[in-house]
Amino acid sequence: MRVRFGVLAVLSFLLIAPPCSVAESTRSDRMVGFHIDMNMAQYRADYLKRWLTELAGRGFNTIIWELEDGVEWQTVPEARQPDALTKAQFRDVLDHARELGLENIPLLQTLGHAEYVLVHERYAHLKANPEDIRQYDPLHPEVLPLLKAWIEEYLDLFGEVRYFHIGADEARQLEFVAQSDRNVEGLSVSQIFMRHVNAVSQPLLNRGITPIIWADMVLHHHEAIDELSRDIMLFDWMYDIWRGNGKVYLWGENRGLRTKAELTPGNLELFGKYFFPEGDGPDIQPETFYSADFMADKGFAVVTCPASSSYGDNVFTPRHERHLRNTWDSTEKGLTGSRLRGAVLTSWSVHLHPWELQHAHIAATGYLSTHHGSTMDEFRSWYVNDTFGLADARFWEAAELLSEPCLFTYTSSLGYGKACLPVPKDHVAVTIQKIKDEGRLDAEIVKARQRINDYNRGLTLFRALSKEVSRNQELITTWELAASMLINRARATELVLLSMQNDDKDATNTETAADILAEMRTLRDDYQALYTPMIRPARRAQMIGYMFDGIETELARLADQ
């Protein structure tokens, strides 16, 4: 099992995209974007430049820059990682993007996802909920001036822009604001949201810049949608949907994935013509991306947004097939919908696995922008041949075998999140005790064993592919490393669960814990090598710590018994 991936210490391959012919040129009137999230990953400038070259070569024309504390700011100087790029360093990256023909769009969260600001005591009074650092209080008199000043600093950094993304997604603390003493007008949650977005947007509109927001809160509060300025562009995201799965995602009171049979009369009254644009019938399924049509019909410019990394992924690999189907169908909708403005592929770095393991999803977005009318099966065949020189589908099977998580392979089970706060040293032990108290030990053990089997099968396939590929060997090697890590993690999970199930710790368990721990520490070194050319040092150490520290602590305790 123990395999050294020393080659990864110098991993810096660039997957060269095929040039676009004149006949296959990207549609100039559609946005084909990639979202770079620096909430968790503080990317090295040279790594960003390599990927910008890759993206431009694949037909992308736009980059959304969610910088958070990844650049040295003066407006909020506390919001600065030790690894933050200087403005001169980041301007150099922006210039590289422009030289490649990529349009740069800044993204500053102006309502929710403000953890990196509100965690600091100086700004604690701006919280929507005194017990939560995720969201600003939009009614606090200091919030809007702070945001406007910060937007000005962003504009100074980015230079001339046509668009500015102001975030505004997942603002789930607005109930606290509506109930606060500051809500002297008695505004509803919907009104508070719409008014705040309009207020943040107006200075941008005055300068001829189009504001962008994520669309989830607009859809959640659709009863007040007419209060939102039609000059704001909406990014319509939902990552758990794709055509043919028989479900749509509903916002509002009936929020969640719903089958046709679960649609209520109220849903049908509001969205019926968007669910069934060609008319309903017994064999007709609702239009998966109805919300984009609904908002476009309301007069908004709408862009669809799939994901190559999102909540629920392993920290070592994405849920490969889910993201591919979502990316394909959502991108196709955005690029072909008669009233839509394009598609932007999002990638959320809090889930830690690198862009290299999302490469197929990134390639799919670019492929659709240059191969109009192609099918997903055509893309699959093209991708494995173009990327690896292969002629069969084993890559897709192998990647999917590494997709499903088990305990301690995914973000929330490892105890960290977008706030990037320290994880308690006893997190694993506390989590397992909770599982035992809830009577879920046996089920989690079964799941870990299933994953061990799946991950081993995936590793076997990738090892076979490794002997056959004619190019981009390093990418297959990265998948092999991820498979080895998942096997080791699932074995560790099974062991720590069994130790709680059986209070009599025998010598076999002690020896097994020591073996798994030794292998994990070797793999940890390999992950350090993998991430060294990608992530700046301080944040890289934090990311590796989130992946390994908690489970290593518990294994070390078992090994010492």
Protein backbone atom coordinates (compact mmCIF):
# COMPACT_ATOMS: atom_id res chain seq x y z
CA MET A 1 0.00 0.00 0.00
CA ARG A 2 2.75 2.47 0.90
CA VAL A 3 3.87 4.19 -2.26
CA ARG A 4 6.07 7.25 -2.34
CA PHE A 5 4.86 9.87 -4.80
CA GLY A 6 8.09 11.84 -4.74
CA VAL A 7 7.50 13.05 -8.31
CA LEU A 8 4.71 15.21 -6.93
CA ALA A 9 7.22 17.41 -5.13
CA VAL A 10 7.87 19.08 -8.48
CA LEU A 11 4.38 18.69 -9.92
CA SER A 12 3.79 21.68 -12.13
CA PHE A 13 2.44 20.18 -15.33
CA LEU A 14 0.33 22.25 -17.66
CA LEU A 15 -2.34 20.44 -19.63
CA ILE A 16 -2.24 22.07 -23.02
CA ALA A 17 -5.67 22.70 -24.47
CA PRO A 18 -6.27 22.24 -28.18
CA PRO A 19 -6.45 25.54 -30.06
CA CYS A 20 -9.90 26.67 -31.16
CA SER A 21 -10.52 26.89 -34.88
CA VAL A 22 -12.34 29.85 -36.39
CA ALA A 23 -15.41 27.65 -36.86
CA GLU A 24 -15.34 26.68 -33.20
CA SER A 25 -14.61 30.10 -31.71
CA THR A 26 -16.23 31.01 -28.41
CA ARG A 27 -19.51 32.89 -28.67
CA SER A 28 -18.52 36.50 -28.04
CA ASP A 29 -21.90 37.39 -26.56
CA ARG A 30 -21.77 34.74 -23.81
CA MET A 31 -19.77 34.69 -20.62
CA VAL A 32 -17.67 31.51 -20.27
CA GLY A 33 -16.18 31.92 -16.83
CA PHE A 34 -14.17 30.23 -14.10
CA HIS A 35 -14.49 31.21 -10.45
CA ILE A 36 -11.23 31.41 -8.50
CA ASP A 37 -11.97 31.16 -4.78
CA MET A 38 -9.21 32.27 -2.41
CA ASN A 39 -11.24 31.81 0.75
CA MET A 40 -9.16 28.77 1.70
CA ALA A 41 -6.49 28.33 -0.96
CA GLN A 42 -3.94 31.13 -1.09
CA TYR A 43 -2.66 30.28 -4.56
CA ARG A 44 0.87 30.99 -5.70
CA ALA A 45 1.04 33.62 -8.42
CA ASP A 46 2.91 31.35 -10.83
CA TYR A 47 0.31 28.60 -10.31
CA LEU A 48 -2.48 31.06 -11.10
CA LYS A 49 -0.72 32.15 -14.27
CA ARG A 50 -0.33 28.56 -15.48
CA TRP A 51 -4.03 27.91 -14.98
CA LEU A 52 -5.05 31.18 -16.60
CA THR A 53 -3.13 30.07 -19.68
CA GLU A 54 -4.91 26.71 -19.53
CA LEU A 55 -8.34 28.32 -19.19
CA ALA A 56 -7.81 30.79 -22.02
CA GLY A 57 -6.69 27.95 -24.28
CA ARG A 58 -9.90 26.04 -23.56
CA GLY A 59 -12.29 28.79 -24.58
CA PHE A 60 -12.88 30.58 -21.28
CA ASN A 61 -13.19 34.35 -21.55
CA THR A 62 -13.88 35.45 -17.95
CA ILE A 63 -12.37 34.99 -14.47
CA ILE A 64 -14.32 35.70 -11.27
CA TRP A 65 -11.82 36.61 -8.54
CA GLU A 66 -13.12 35.90 -5.01
CA LEU A 67 -10.09 37.23 -3.16
CA GLU A 68 -11.27 37.53 0.47
CA ASP A 69 -8.11 37.93 2.60
CA GLY A 70 -5.77 36.74 -0.16
CA VAL A 71 -4.58 40.27 -1.01
CA GLU A 72 -3.19 42.96 1.29
CA TRP A 73 -6.05 45.44 1.88
CA GLN A 74 -5.95 48.90 3.43
CA THR A 75 -9.71 49.33 4.00
CA VAL A 76 -9.84 46.30 6.28
CA PRO A 77 -6.17 45.63 7.08
CA GLU A 78 -7.04 42.85 9.54
CA ALA A 79 -8.47 40.81 6.63
CA ARG A 80 -5.08 39.68 5.44
CA GLN A 81 -3.61 36.19 5.47
CA PRO A 82 0.11 35.83 6.29
CA ASP A 83 0.40 34.55 2.72
CA ALA A 84 -1.61 37.40 1.16
CA LEU A 85 -0.35 38.64 -2.18
CA THR A 86 0.78 42.23 -2.39
CA LYS A 87 -1.22 44.39 -4.75
CA ALA A 88 1.75 44.56 -7.10
CA GLN A 89 1.93 40.75 -7.19
CA PHE A 90 -1.78 40.45 -7.87
CA ARG A 91 -1.79 43.19 -10.52
CA ASP A 92 0.82 41.16 -12.35
CA VAL A 93 -1.58 38.18 -12.34
CA LEU A 94 -4.43 40.40 -13.57
CA ASP A 95 -2.23 41.72 -16.36
CA HIS A 96 -1.41 38.15 -17.39
CA ALA A 97 -5.13 37.35 -17.58
CA ARG A 98 -5.79 40.42 -19.75
CA GLU A 99 -2.94 39.53 -22.08
CA LEU A 100 -4.63 36.15 -22.57
CA GLY A 101 -7.92 37.84 -23.47
CA LEU A 102 -9.61 37.02 -20.16
CA GLU A 103 -11.98 39.53 -18.56
CA ASN A 104 -11.33 40.04 -14.84
CA ILE A 105 -14.34 40.41 -12.53
CA PRO A 106 -13.78 41.20 -8.84
CA LEU A 107 -15.96 39.52 -6.20
CA LEU A 108 -16.41 41.11 -2.76
CA GLN A 109 -18.93 39.55 -0.42
CA THR A 110 -21.15 42.38 0.85
CA LEU A 111 -23.63 40.52 3.05
CA GLY A 112 -22.96 36.86 3.89
CA HIS A 113 -19.69 34.91 3.99
CA ALA A 114 -17.98 37.69 5.90
CA GLU A 115 -16.24 35.32 8.33
CA TYR A 116 -12.78 36.57 7.46
CA VAL A 117 -13.82 40.10 8.51
CA LEU A 118 -16.24 39.56 11.39
CA VAL A 119 -13.91 37.13 13.17
CA HIS A 120 -11.87 40.19 14.17
CA GLU A 121 -12.97 42.01 17.33
CA ARG A 122 -12.75 45.41 15.63
CA TYR A 123 -15.71 44.47 13.38
CA ALA A 124 -17.72 42.29 15.78
CA HIS A 125 -20.36 45.01 16.22
CA LEU A 126 -21.24 44.69 12.51
CA LYS A 127 -22.53 41.12 12.85
CA ALA A 128 -26.15 40.38 11.94
CA ASN A 129 -26.25 37.83 14.76
CA PRO A 130 -24.04 38.47 17.78
CA GLU A 131 -23.34 34.73 18.00
CA ASP A 132 -22.38 34.24 14.35
CA ILE A 133 -19.50 35.63 12.26
CA ARG A 134 -20.89 34.80 8.84
CA GLN A 135 -22.97 37.86 7.98
CA TYR A 136 -23.02 41.65 8.18
CA ASP A 137 -25.98 43.50 9.65
CA PRO A 138 -27.19 45.45 6.58
CA LEU A 139 -29.07 47.92 8.80
CA HIS A 140 -26.00 48.89 10.82
CA PRO A 141 -25.03 52.46 9.80
CA GLU A 142 -21.33 51.57 9.47
CA VAL A 143 -21.75 48.62 7.10
CA LEU A 144 -22.61 50.37 3.85
CA PRO A 145 -19.84 53.02 4.13
CA LEU A 146 -17.29 50.28 4.86
CA LEU A 147 -18.39 48.24 1.86
CA LYS A 148 -18.40 51.24 -0.47
CA ALA A 149 -14.87 52.16 0.59
CA TRP A 150 -13.70 48.60 0.05
CA ILE A 151 -15.32 48.47 -3.39
CA GLU A 152 -13.35 51.60 -4.29
CA GLU A 153 -10.15 49.85 -3.23
CA TYR A 154 -11.06 46.84 -5.36
CA LEU A 155 -11.70 49.09 -8.36
CA ASP A 156 -8.36 50.80 -7.85
CA LEU A 157 -6.69 47.36 -7.86
CA PHE A 158 -8.56 45.92 -10.84
CA GLY A 159 -8.64 49.03 -12.99
CA GLU A 160 -11.38 49.43 -15.57
CA VAL A 161 -14.04 46.70 -15.25
CA ARG A 162 -17.46 46.11 -16.78
CA TYR A 163 -18.78 43.91 -13.95
CA PHE A 164 -18.42 43.73 -10.16
CA HIS A 165 -19.72 40.71 -8.21
CA ILE A 166 -21.04 41.69 -4.75
CA GLY A 167 -21.84 38.17 -3.51
CA ALA A 168 -25.02 38.24 -1.38
CA ASP A 169 -25.56 34.47 -1.25
CA GLU A 170 -26.65 32.35 1.72
CA ALA A 171 -27.57 35.37 3.86
CA ARG A 172 -29.37 33.23 6.40
CA GLN A 173 -29.05 35.54 9.39
CA LEU A 174 -31.48 38.15 8.12
CA GLU A 175 -34.17 36.98 10.55
CA PHE A 176 -32.03 38.39 13.37
CA VAL A 177 -31.79 41.70 11.53
CA ALA A 178 -35.56 41.86 10.92
CA GLN A 179 -36.14 41.38 14.65
CA SER A 180 -33.50 43.89 15.78
CA ASP A 181 -34.09 47.35 17.23
CA ARG A 182 -32.47 48.83 14.12
CA ASN A 183 -35.38 47.70 11.96
CA VAL A 184 -37.38 50.81 12.79
CA GLU A 185 -39.37 50.62 9.54
CA GLY A 186 -40.52 47.08 10.27
CA LEU A 187 -39.06 45.78 7.02
CA SER A 188 -39.52 42.15 6.07
CA VAL A 189 -36.52 39.86 5.54
CA SER A 190 -37.11 40.08 1.79
CA GLN A 191 -37.21 43.87 1.83
CA ILE A 192 -34.05 44.11 3.93
CA PHE A 193 -32.22 41.91 1.44
CA MET A 194 -33.41 43.68 -1.72
CA ARG A 195 -32.81 47.18 -0.33
CA HIS A 196 -29.28 46.31 0.79
CA VAL A 197 -28.35 44.84 -2.59
CA ASN A 198 -29.77 47.89 -4.37
CA ALA A 199 -27.88 50.24 -2.06
CA VAL A 200 -24.54 48.46 -2.57
CA SER A 201 -25.16 48.31 -6.32
CA GLN A 202 -26.07 51.94 -6.94
CA PRO A 203 -22.55 53.45 -6.81
CA LEU A 204 -21.40 50.81 -9.28
CA LEU A 205 -24.32 51.52 -11.59
CA ASN A 206 -23.55 55.24 -11.39
CA ARG A 207 -20.11 54.42 -12.85
CA GLY A 208 -21.51 52.24 -15.63
CA ILE A 209 -20.47 48.98 -13.93
CA THR A 210 -22.93 46.07 -13.85
CA PRO A 211 -23.30 44.56 -10.36
CA ILE A 212 -23.60 40.76 -10.07
CA ILE A 213 -25.08 38.73 -7.22
CA TRP A 214 -25.61 35.03 -6.59
CA ALA A 215 -29.29 34.31 -7.22
CA ASP A 216 -30.22 31.98 -4.35
CA MET A 217 -31.54 34.68 -2.01
CA VAL A 218 -33.51 36.30 -4.83
CA LEU A 219 -35.16 32.96 -5.51
CA HIS A 220 -35.68 32.25 -1.83
CA HIS A 221 -37.44 35.63 -1.46
CA HIS A 222 -39.03 35.67 -4.90
CA GLU A 223 -42.13 37.42 -3.54
CA ALA A 224 -40.03 40.62 -3.41
CA ILE A 225 -38.12 40.13 -6.67
CA ASP A 226 -39.79 43.16 -8.27
CA GLU A 227 -38.02 45.40 -5.72
CA LEU A 228 -34.58 44.45 -7.09
CA SER A 229 -32.96 46.62 -9.75
CA ARG A 230 -33.11 45.00 -13.19
CA ASP A 231 -29.64 46.37 -13.87
CA ILE A 232 -28.18 43.70 -11.56
CA MET A 233 -26.96 40.48 -13.19
CA LEU A 234 -27.94 37.21 -11.47
CA PHE A 235 -25.68 34.15 -11.18
CA ASP A 236 -28.05 31.17 -10.88
CA TRP A 237 -26.28 28.36 -9.02
CA MET A 238 -27.41 24.94 -7.85
CA TYR A 239 -24.96 22.06 -7.78
CA ASP A 240 -27.19 19.04 -7.06
CA ILE A 241 -29.24 19.12 -10.27
CA TRP A 242 -28.82 17.74 -13.76
CA ARG A 243 -31.11 16.67 -16.55
CA GLY A 244 -32.75 13.28 -16.23
CA ASN A 245 -32.58 12.88 -12.47
CA GLY A 246 -36.31 13.56 -12.15
CA LYS A 247 -35.97 16.43 -9.68
CA VAL A 248 -35.89 20.21 -9.56
CA TYR A 249 -34.61 22.42 -6.77
CA LEU A 250 -37.23 24.64 -5.16
CA TRP A 251 -36.48 27.75 -3.12
CA GLY A 252 -38.73 29.43 -0.57
CA GLU A 253 -40.88 27.58 1.97
CA ASN A 254 -40.81 24.30 0.05
CA ARG A 255 -37.04 24.49 -0.32
CA GLY A 256 -35.17 21.40 -1.51
CA LEU A 257 -35.00 18.85 -4.31
CA ARG A 258 -38.49 17.82 -5.38
CA THR A 259 -39.96 15.35 -7.85
CA LYS A 260 -42.80 16.32 -10.17
CA ALA A 261 -45.26 14.61 -7.82
CA GLU A 262 -44.03 16.77 -4.92
CA LEU A 263 -44.71 20.09 -6.61
CA THR A 264 -47.44 22.00 -4.78
CA PRO A 265 -50.26 24.00 -6.35
CA GLY A 266 -48.42 27.13 -5.22
CA ASN A 267 -45.25 25.98 -6.99
CA LEU A 268 -47.19 25.30 -10.17
CA GLU A 269 -49.01 28.62 -10.02
CA LEU A 270 -45.75 30.56 -9.75
CA PHE A 271 -43.36 28.47 -11.87
CA GLY A 272 -45.65 26.25 -13.97
CA LYS A 273 -44.83 27.77 -17.34
CA TYR A 274 -41.12 27.52 -16.55
CA PHE A 275 -41.36 23.92 -15.33
CA PHE A 276 -43.25 22.92 -18.48
CA PRO A 277 -42.44 25.39 -21.27
CA GLU A 278 -43.71 22.94 -23.91
CA GLY A 279 -46.77 21.94 -21.90
CA ASP A 280 -47.30 19.24 -19.27
CA GLY A 281 -48.09 15.57 -19.78
CA PRO A 282 -47.69 12.21 -18.05
CA ASP A 283 -44.20 11.60 -19.46
CA ILE A 284 -42.98 15.21 -19.22
CA GLN A 285 -40.47 16.05 -16.51
CA PRO A 286 -39.99 19.61 -15.17
CA GLU A 287 -37.30 21.74 -16.77
CA THR A 288 -34.25 21.33 -14.52
CA PHE A 289 -33.05 24.92 -14.93
CA TYR A 290 -36.45 26.59 -14.74
CA SER A 291 -35.18 29.26 -12.33
CA ALA A 292 -32.91 30.81 -14.97
CA ASP A 293 -35.86 31.21 -17.32
CA PHE A 294 -38.03 32.60 -14.50
CA MET A 295 -35.50 35.32 -13.67
CA ALA A 296 -34.77 36.12 -17.31
CA ASP A 297 -38.50 36.52 -17.86
CA LYS A 298 -38.51 39.02 -14.99
CA GLY A 299 -36.07 41.16 -16.94
CA PHE A 300 -32.72 40.13 -15.42
CA ALA A 301 -29.51 39.17 -17.19
CA VAL A 302 -28.88 35.61 -15.98
CA VAL A 303 -25.79 33.38 -16.03
CA THR A 304 -25.91 29.70 -15.01
CA CYS A 305 -23.33 28.45 -12.50
CA PRO A 306 -22.41 24.78 -12.06
CA ALA A 307 -19.58 23.57 -9.80
CA SER A 308 -16.47 21.43 -10.03
CA SER A 309 -16.11 21.44 -6.23
CA SER A 310 -18.85 21.96 -3.66
CA TYR A 311 -20.22 20.97 -0.25
CA GLY A 312 -20.29 17.18 0.20
CA ASP A 313 -17.04 16.45 -1.65
CA ASN A 314 -14.15 14.56 -0.15
CA VAL A 315 -11.19 16.77 0.68
CA PHE A 316 -9.10 14.48 -1.52
CA THR A 317 -11.40 14.15 -4.58
CA PRO A 318 -14.59 15.70 -6.00
CA ARG A 319 -17.82 13.78 -6.56
CA HIS A 320 -16.80 13.29 -10.14
CA GLU A 321 -19.91 12.15 -12.02
CA ARG A 322 -22.25 14.48 -10.12
CA HIS A 323 -20.11 17.50 -10.98
CA LEU A 324 -19.66 16.42 -14.59
CA ARG A 325 -23.41 16.09 -15.19
CA ASN A 326 -24.18 19.32 -13.37
CA THR A 327 -21.40 21.16 -15.21
CA TRP A 328 -22.43 19.83 -18.60
CA ASP A 329 -26.15 20.51 -18.30
CA SER A 330 -25.91 23.87 -16.52
CA THR A 331 -23.21 25.14 -18.90
CA GLU A 332 -25.19 24.01 -21.94
CA LYS A 333 -28.24 25.84 -20.58
CA GLY A 334 -26.29 29.06 -20.08
CA LEU A 335 -24.63 28.92 -23.48
CA THR A 336 -27.72 28.00 -25.50
CA GLY A 337 -30.68 29.51 -23.59
CA SER A 338 -32.18 32.16 -25.84
CA ARG A 339 -32.25 34.83 -23.12
CA LEU A 340 -29.28 33.76 -20.97
CA ARG A 341 -25.85 35.37 -20.85
CA GLY A 342 -23.49 32.41 -20.37
CA ALA A 343 -22.09 30.10 -17.74
CA VAL A 344 -19.51 30.34 -14.94
CA LEU A 345 -17.97 27.22 -13.41
CA THR A 346 -17.54 27.67 -9.65
CA SER A 347 -14.94 25.89 -7.54
CA TRP A 348 -14.97 26.24 -3.75
CA SER A 349 -11.48 25.82 -2.31
CA VAL A 350 -12.71 25.08 1.23
CA HIS A 351 -13.02 21.46 0.02
CA LEU A 352 -9.25 21.39 -0.51
CA HIS A 353 -8.75 19.05 -3.49
CA PRO A 354 -6.83 20.82 -6.28
CA TRP A 355 -8.01 21.98 -9.69
CA GLU A 356 -6.02 19.14 -11.25
CA LEU A 357 -8.64 16.67 -9.98
CA GLN A 358 -11.40 18.93 -11.32
CA HIS A 359 -9.75 19.09 -14.72
CA ALA A 360 -12.42 17.06 -16.53
CA HIS A 361 -15.16 19.44 -15.36
CA ILE A 362 -13.11 22.46 -16.36
CA ALA A 363 -12.45 20.86 -19.74
CA ALA A 364 -16.17 20.14 -20.19
CA THR A 365 -17.07 23.81 -19.80
CA GLY A 366 -14.46 24.86 -22.34
CA TYR A 367 -15.46 22.04 -24.70
CA LEU A 368 -19.09 23.14 -24.74
CA SER A 369 -18.06 26.70 -25.56
CA THR A 370 -16.23 25.52 -28.67
CA HIS A 371 -18.14 22.35 -29.68
CA HIS A 372 -21.75 23.49 -29.99
CA GLY A 373 -24.28 20.67 -30.07
CA SER A 374 -21.93 17.93 -28.85
CA THR A 375 -23.13 15.21 -26.47
CA MET A 376 -21.62 14.28 -23.13
CA ASP A 377 -20.63 10.87 -24.49
CA GLU A 378 -18.73 12.58 -27.30
CA PHE A 379 -16.97 14.72 -24.71
CA ARG A 380 -16.05 11.72 -22.57
CA SER A 381 -14.43 9.95 -25.51
CA TRP A 382 -12.67 13.12 -26.62
CA TYR A 383 -11.39 13.92 -23.14
CA VAL A 384 -9.69 10.61 -22.34
CA ASN A 385 -8.12 10.53 -25.78
CA ASP A 386 -7.03 14.17 -25.82
CA THR A 387 -5.80 14.21 -22.22
CA PHE A 388 -4.27 10.76 -21.82
CA GLY A 389 -4.15 9.18 -25.26
CA LEU A 390 -6.62 6.52 -24.13
CA ALA A 391 -9.47 4.96 -26.06
CA ASP A 392 -11.67 3.55 -23.28
CA ALA A 393 -13.78 4.79 -20.38
CA ARG A 394 -11.90 3.35 -17.41
CA PHE A 395 -10.83 6.83 -16.30
CA TRP A 396 -14.45 7.78 -15.62
CA GLU A 397 -15.11 4.56 -13.70
CA ALA A 398 -11.97 5.00 -11.62
CA ALA A 399 -12.70 8.64 -10.77
CA GLU A 400 -16.27 7.82 -9.77
CA LEU A 401 -15.10 5.04 -7.43
CA LEU A 402 -13.27 7.74 -5.44
CA SER A 403 -16.27 10.06 -5.29
CA GLU A 404 -18.32 8.88 -2.32
CA PRO A 405 -17.24 10.00 1.14
CA CYS A 406 -16.99 8.25 4.47
CA LEU A 407 -16.46 9.70 7.93
CA PHE A 408 -13.38 11.97 8.17
CA THR A 409 -12.96 12.36 4.40
CA TYR A 410 -15.19 15.42 3.94
CA THR A 411 -15.17 18.99 5.19
CA SER A 412 -17.79 19.05 7.94
CA SER A 413 -16.70 15.72 9.45
CA LEU A 414 -13.17 17.11 9.77
CA GLY A 415 -14.47 20.02 11.85
CA TYR A 416 -13.44 23.07 9.82
CA GLY A 417 -15.15 25.44 7.40
CA LYS A 418 -14.96 28.76 5.56
CA ALA A 419 -14.13 30.60 8.77
CA CYS A 420 -10.72 28.83 8.72
CA LEU A 421 -10.74 28.50 12.51
CA PRO A 422 -8.66 25.97 14.50
CA VAL A 423 -10.17 22.52 14.99
CA PRO A 424 -10.24 21.18 18.58
CA LYS A 425 -7.64 18.45 19.09
CA ASP A 426 -10.29 16.05 20.39
CA HIS A 427 -12.64 16.62 17.42
CA VAL A 428 -12.41 13.03 16.14
CA ALA A 429 -12.92 11.49 19.57
CA VAL A 430 -15.89 13.76 20.31
CA THR A 431 -17.43 13.01 16.90
CA ILE A 432 -17.15 9.26 17.39
CA GLN A 433 -18.63 9.45 20.90
CA LYS A 434 -21.59 11.38 19.47
CA ILE A 435 -22.06 8.74 16.77
CA LYS A 436 -22.02 6.03 19.42
CA ASP A 437 -24.52 7.90 21.59
CA GLU A 438 -26.83 8.20 18.57
CA GLY A 439 -26.57 4.49 17.77
CA ARG A 440 -24.87 5.00 14.39
CA LEU A 441 -21.58 3.17 14.93
CA ASP A 442 -22.52 0.03 13.00
CA ALA A 443 -23.81 1.99 10.01
CA GLU A 444 -20.65 4.11 9.83
CA ILE A 445 -18.46 0.99 10.05
CA VAL A 446 -20.37 -0.58 7.16
CA LYS A 447 -19.95 2.61 5.13
CA ALA A 448 -16.19 2.73 5.83
CA ARG A 449 -15.81 -0.87 4.67
CA GLN A 450 -17.77 -0.16 1.50
CA ARG A 451 -15.54 2.80 0.78
CA ILE A 452 -12.36 0.75 1.37
CA ASN A 453 -13.56 -1.63 -1.32
CA ASP A 454 -14.49 1.18 -3.73
CA TYR A 455 -11.27 3.10 -3.19
CA ASN A 456 -9.14 -0.02 -3.69
CA ARG A 457 -10.92 -0.74 -6.97
CA GLY A 458 -10.33 2.85 -8.05
CA LEU A 459 -6.62 2.65 -7.21
CA THR A 460 -6.31 -0.61 -9.16
CA LEU A 461 -7.83 1.04 -12.22
CA PHE A 462 -5.63 4.12 -11.98
CA ARG A 463 -2.52 1.96 -11.63
CA ALA A 464 -3.50 0.10 -14.78
CA LEU A 465 -4.14 3.38 -16.61
CA SER A 466 -0.80 4.71 -15.43
CA LYS A 467 0.94 2.04 -17.51
CA GLU A 468 -1.04 2.92 -20.64
CA VAL A 469 -1.27 6.72 -20.82
CA SER A 470 0.86 8.42 -23.45
CA ARG A 471 0.64 11.93 -21.98
CA ASN A 472 -0.15 13.76 -18.73
CA GLN A 473 1.21 10.92 -16.61
CA GLU A 474 1.43 13.35 -13.68
CA LEU A 475 -2.34 13.77 -13.62
CA ILE A 476 -2.89 10.01 -13.29
CA THR A 477 -0.22 9.95 -10.58
CA THR A 478 -2.18 12.61 -8.68
CA TRP A 479 -5.30 10.44 -8.88
CA GLU A 480 -3.28 7.46 -7.59
CA LEU A 481 -2.17 9.52 -4.60
CA ALA A 482 -5.75 10.57 -3.87
CA ALA A 483 -6.90 6.93 -4.05
CA SER A 484 -4.14 5.81 -1.68
CA MET A 485 -5.08 8.58 0.73
CA LEU A 486 -8.76 7.63 0.67
CA ILE A 487 -7.96 3.96 1.33
CA ASN A 488 -5.78 4.92 4.27
CA ARG A 489 -8.41 7.31 5.63
CA ALA A 490 -11.24 4.78 5.33
CA ARG A 491 -9.11 2.17 7.13
CA ALA A 492 -8.34 4.69 9.86
CA THR A 493 -12.05 5.54 10.15
CA GLU A 494 -13.01 1.88 10.43
CA LEU A 495 -10.40 1.33 13.14
CA VAL A 496 -11.33 4.29 15.32
CA LEU A 497 -15.02 3.36 15.03
CA LEU A 498 -14.26 -0.24 16.00
CA SER A 499 -12.24 0.97 18.99
CA MET A 500 -15.33 2.75 20.29
CA GLN A 501 -17.52 -0.26 19.57
CA ASN A 502 -15.17 -2.59 21.47
CA ASP A 503 -13.83 -1.16 24.70
CA ASP A 504 -11.32 -4.02 25.01
CA LYS A 505 -8.41 -2.71 22.93
CA ASP A 506 -6.22 -5.67 21.95
CA ALA A 507 -2.66 -5.75 20.66
CA THR A 508 -3.83 -6.33 17.08
CA ASN A 509 -5.72 -3.03 17.09
CA THR A 510 -2.68 -1.27 18.58
CA GLU A 511 -0.38 -2.64 15.90
CA THR A 512 -2.89 -1.83 13.16
CA ALA A 513 -3.22 1.74 14.43
CA ALA A 514 0.57 2.14 14.34
CA ASP A 515 0.74 0.79 10.78
CA ILE A 516 -2.08 3.02 9.49
CA LEU A 517 -0.54 6.01 11.27
CA ALA A 518 2.89 5.40 9.74
CA GLU A 519 1.37 5.13 6.28
CA MET A 520 -0.70 8.28 6.89
CA ARG A 521 2.40 10.26 7.83
CA THR A 522 4.09 9.16 4.60
CA LEU A 523 1.05 10.24 2.64
CA ARG A 524 1.01 13.52 4.52
CA ASP A 525 4.51 14.21 3.23
CA ASP A 526 3.31 13.41 -0.28
CA TYR A 527 0.45 15.88 0.08
CA GLN A 528 2.87 18.54 1.26
CA ALA A 529 4.81 17.90 -1.94
CA LEU A 530 1.65 17.99 -4.06
CA TYR A 531 0.50 21.35 -2.71
CA THR A 532 3.91 23.06 -2.55
CA PRO A 533 3.82 24.41 -6.14
CA MET A 534 0.15 25.36 -5.77
CA ILE A 535 -0.43 27.01 -2.36
CA ARG A 536 1.58 29.54 -0.38
CA PRO A 537 3.28 28.15 2.76
CA ALA A 538 1.21 29.35 5.75
CA ARG A 539 -2.16 28.44 4.26
CA ARG A 540 -0.74 25.19 2.87
CA ALA A 541 0.23 24.14 6.39
CA GLN A 542 -3.27 25.01 7.62
CA MET A 543 -4.92 23.00 4.83
CA ILE A 544 -2.73 19.96 5.45
CA GLY A 545 -3.53 20.27 9.15
CA TYR A 546 -7.26 20.19 8.44
CA MET A 547 -6.79 17.05 6.36
CA PHE A 548 -4.63 15.12 8.81
CA ASP A 549 -4.27 16.47 12.37
CA GLY A 550 -7.49 15.24 13.95
CA ILE A 551 -7.36 11.66 12.71
CA GLU A 552 -3.61 11.43 13.35
CA THR A 553 -4.19 12.45 16.97
CA GLU A 554 -6.73 9.68 17.47
CA LEU A 555 -4.59 7.05 15.74
CA ALA A 556 -1.60 8.03 17.86
CA ARG A 557 -3.70 7.60 21.00
CA LEU A 558 -4.76 4.11 19.90
CA ALA A 559 -1.22 3.16 18.88
CA ASP A 560 0.10 4.14 22.32
CA GLN A 561 -2.36 1.97 24.26
